[in-house]
Protein backbone atom coordinates (compact mmCIF):
# COMPACT_ATOMS: atom_id res chain seq x y z
CA MET A 1 0.00 0.00 0.00
CA CYS A 2 1.06 3.58 -0.66
CA ILE A 3 0.22 6.75 1.24
CA ALA A 4 -0.13 10.29 -0.08
CA TYR A 5 0.76 12.51 2.89
CA THR A 6 -1.30 15.63 3.60
CA LYS A 7 -0.90 18.32 6.23
CA THR A 8 -4.52 18.37 7.36
CA VAL A 9 -7.36 15.93 7.83
CA THR A 10 -9.46 18.19 5.58
CA ALA A 11 -7.00 17.74 2.70
CA ALA A 12 -7.02 13.98 3.31
CA GLN A 13 -10.84 13.97 3.18
CA MET A 14 -10.83 15.96 -0.06
CA ALA A 15 -8.29 13.55 -1.55
CA ARG A 16 -10.31 10.51 -0.50
CA ARG A 17 -13.47 11.94 -2.11
CA ALA A 18 -11.64 12.79 -5.34
CA LEU A 19 -10.15 9.29 -5.53
CA ALA A 20 -13.53 7.68 -4.80
CA LEU A 21 -15.09 9.62 -7.68
CA ALA A 22 -12.33 8.20 -9.91
CA GLY A 23 -13.05 4.66 -8.69
CA ILE A 24 -9.94 4.34 -6.54
CA GLU A 25 -10.43 2.80 -3.11
CA SER A 26 -8.63 4.63 -0.32
CA ASP A 27 -8.83 5.36 3.37
CA ILE A 28 -7.58 8.12 5.64
CA VAL A 29 -4.77 7.24 8.02
CA GLY A 30 -3.02 9.11 10.80
CA ILE A 31 0.74 9.41 10.39
CA ASP A 32 3.48 9.93 12.96
CA PRO A 33 4.70 13.43 11.94
CA ARG A 34 8.31 12.40 12.60
CA LEU A 35 8.14 9.97 9.66
CA THR A 36 7.59 12.63 7.01
CA LYS A 37 9.84 15.36 5.66
CA ASN A 38 7.37 18.17 6.35
CA GLY A 39 5.77 16.97 9.57
CA CYS A 40 2.56 15.94 7.81
CA ALA A 41 0.18 14.10 10.11
CA TYR A 42 -2.47 12.56 7.81
CA GLY A 43 -2.55 10.60 4.63
CA VAL A 44 -4.65 8.71 2.15
CA ARG A 45 -3.73 5.05 1.73
CA PHE A 46 -4.31 3.34 -1.63
CA SER A 47 -2.95 0.59 -3.86
CA CYS A 48 0.53 1.46 -5.16
CA GLY A 49 -0.55 0.36 -8.63
CA GLU A 50 -2.70 3.50 -8.72
CA ALA A 51 0.09 5.94 -7.75
CA GLY A 52 0.32 7.56 -11.18
CA ARG A 53 -3.44 8.11 -11.37
CA VAL A 54 -3.51 9.40 -7.80
CA ARG A 55 -0.82 11.99 -8.57
CA ARG A 56 -2.74 13.17 -11.64
CA ILE A 57 -6.08 13.35 -9.82
CA LEU A 58 -4.70 15.25 -6.84
CA LYS A 59 -2.91 17.70 -9.15
CA GLU A 60 -6.01 18.21 -11.33
CA LYS A 61 -8.17 18.85 -8.26
CA GLY A 62 -5.61 21.17 -6.65
CA ILE A 63 -5.30 19.01 -3.54
CA ALA A 64 -1.96 19.58 -1.85
CA TYR A 65 0.08 16.60 -0.71
CA GLY A 66 3.67 16.27 0.40
CA GLU A 67 4.81 13.01 -1.14
CA ILE A 68 3.71 9.48 -1.91
CA LEU A 69 5.50 6.73 -0.04
CA GLY A 70 5.18 3.00 0.17
CA GLY A 71 5.14 -0.09 -1.90
């Protein structure tokens, strides 16, 4: 599984909704802020096979995320 890190739970919720509309299953997870470069505390977990689509969707929707890790 991969995680797109976000700074706020609101951004994670927006990302989850955008991915759901695109048919990508995801869920919101809490992250230890020490594990990320920017101290992000939330993320959206999804199948790593969808990472390219996730990047495109989040960019198109203007949803900020720090990085995608995992897999």
